[in-house]
Amino acid sequence: MREKLPTPKLAFGINETAFALSLGRTKVYALINEGALRTIKIGGRRLITANSISELLDQTEGGSGDA
C-alpha cells in the first residue's frame, strides 16, 4: 500500500504567517501594505501565498535582516 504524502500549504492566514515568520500581526500587515508580502482574497479571507513568504525570506536573507 502506498503511503500518502502530506500536501504542502499554498497559502496562509495572517496569524499563521505571523507565527511562521516570528512576527506580530501588525508587522505582517505593514509588510502587506509595503508590498513586501502579496496577498490573495478568497471570499472574505485575506491569505498570503507561500511563494510570497519565500520571496520575502530570500530578499532579506543577504540583507540587514530588517523585514
Protein backbone atom coordinates (compact mmCIF):
# COMPACT_ATOMS: atom_id res chain seq x y z
CA MET A 1 0.00 0.00 0.00
CA ARG A 2 1.29 3.47 -0.88
CA GLU A 3 1.94 5.94 1.88
CA LYS A 4 0.02 9.18 1.39
CA LEU A 5 2.32 12.21 1.38
CA PRO A 6 1.12 15.41 3.02
CA THR A 7 0.14 18.21 0.67
CA PRO A 8 2.13 21.41 1.33
CA LYS A 9 0.13 24.52 2.20
CA LEU A 10 -0.02 27.07 -0.60
CA ALA A 11 -1.45 29.99 1.38
CA PHE A 12 -1.56 31.14 4.99
CA GLY A 13 -3.77 33.40 7.07
CA ILE A 14 -2.43 36.48 8.84
CA ASN A 15 -1.97 34.68 12.17
CA GLU A 16 -0.28 31.68 10.53
CA THR A 17 2.07 33.98 8.62
CA ALA A 18 2.94 35.93 11.76
CA PHE A 19 3.67 32.68 13.61
CA ALA A 20 5.74 31.24 10.75
CA LEU A 21 7.86 34.40 10.48
CA SER A 22 8.05 35.03 14.26
CA LEU A 23 6.48 38.44 13.75
CA GLY A 24 3.46 40.21 15.16
CA ARG A 25 0.26 40.68 13.21
CA THR A 26 0.93 44.43 12.98
CA LYS A 27 4.27 43.80 11.23
CA VAL A 28 2.63 41.33 8.81
CA TYR A 29 0.03 43.97 7.90
CA ALA A 30 2.83 46.54 7.48
CA LEU A 31 4.69 44.18 5.11
CA ILE A 32 1.48 43.71 3.13
CA ASN A 33 0.95 47.49 2.89
CA GLU A 34 4.59 47.97 1.81
CA GLY A 35 4.10 45.39 -0.93
CA ALA A 36 6.68 43.03 0.59
CA LEU A 37 4.04 40.32 1.05
CA ARG A 38 1.46 39.61 -1.65
CA THR A 39 -2.00 38.51 -0.70
CA ILE A 40 -4.99 36.93 -2.35
CA LYS A 41 -8.58 37.26 -1.25
CA ILE A 42 -10.90 34.27 -1.27
CA GLY A 43 -14.36 35.11 -0.05
CA GLY A 44 -13.82 37.39 2.91
CA ARG A 45 -10.48 35.87 3.83
CA ARG A 46 -7.11 37.50 3.10
CA LEU A 47 -4.36 34.92 2.50
CA ILE A 48 -0.60 35.26 1.98
CA THR A 49 0.83 32.90 -0.61
CA ALA A 50 3.66 30.55 0.34
CA ASN A 51 5.62 31.91 -2.66
CA SER A 52 5.32 35.45 -1.31
CA ILE A 53 6.66 34.36 2.08
CA SER A 54 9.56 32.52 0.43
CA GLU A 55 10.40 35.55 -1.72
CA LEU A 56 10.40 37.82 1.34
CA LEU A 57 12.81 35.49 3.11
CA ASP A 58 15.03 35.24 0.02
CA GLN A 59 15.19 39.04 -0.26
CA THR A 60 16.08 39.57 3.38
CA GLU A 61 18.50 36.64 3.66
CA GLY A 62 21.52 38.55 2.41
CA GLY A 63 20.43 41.95 3.71
CA SER A 64 20.27 43.57 7.11
CA GLY A 65 17.60 41.17 8.33
CA ASP A 66 15.14 44.02 8.72
CA ALA A 67 11.86 42.82 7.23
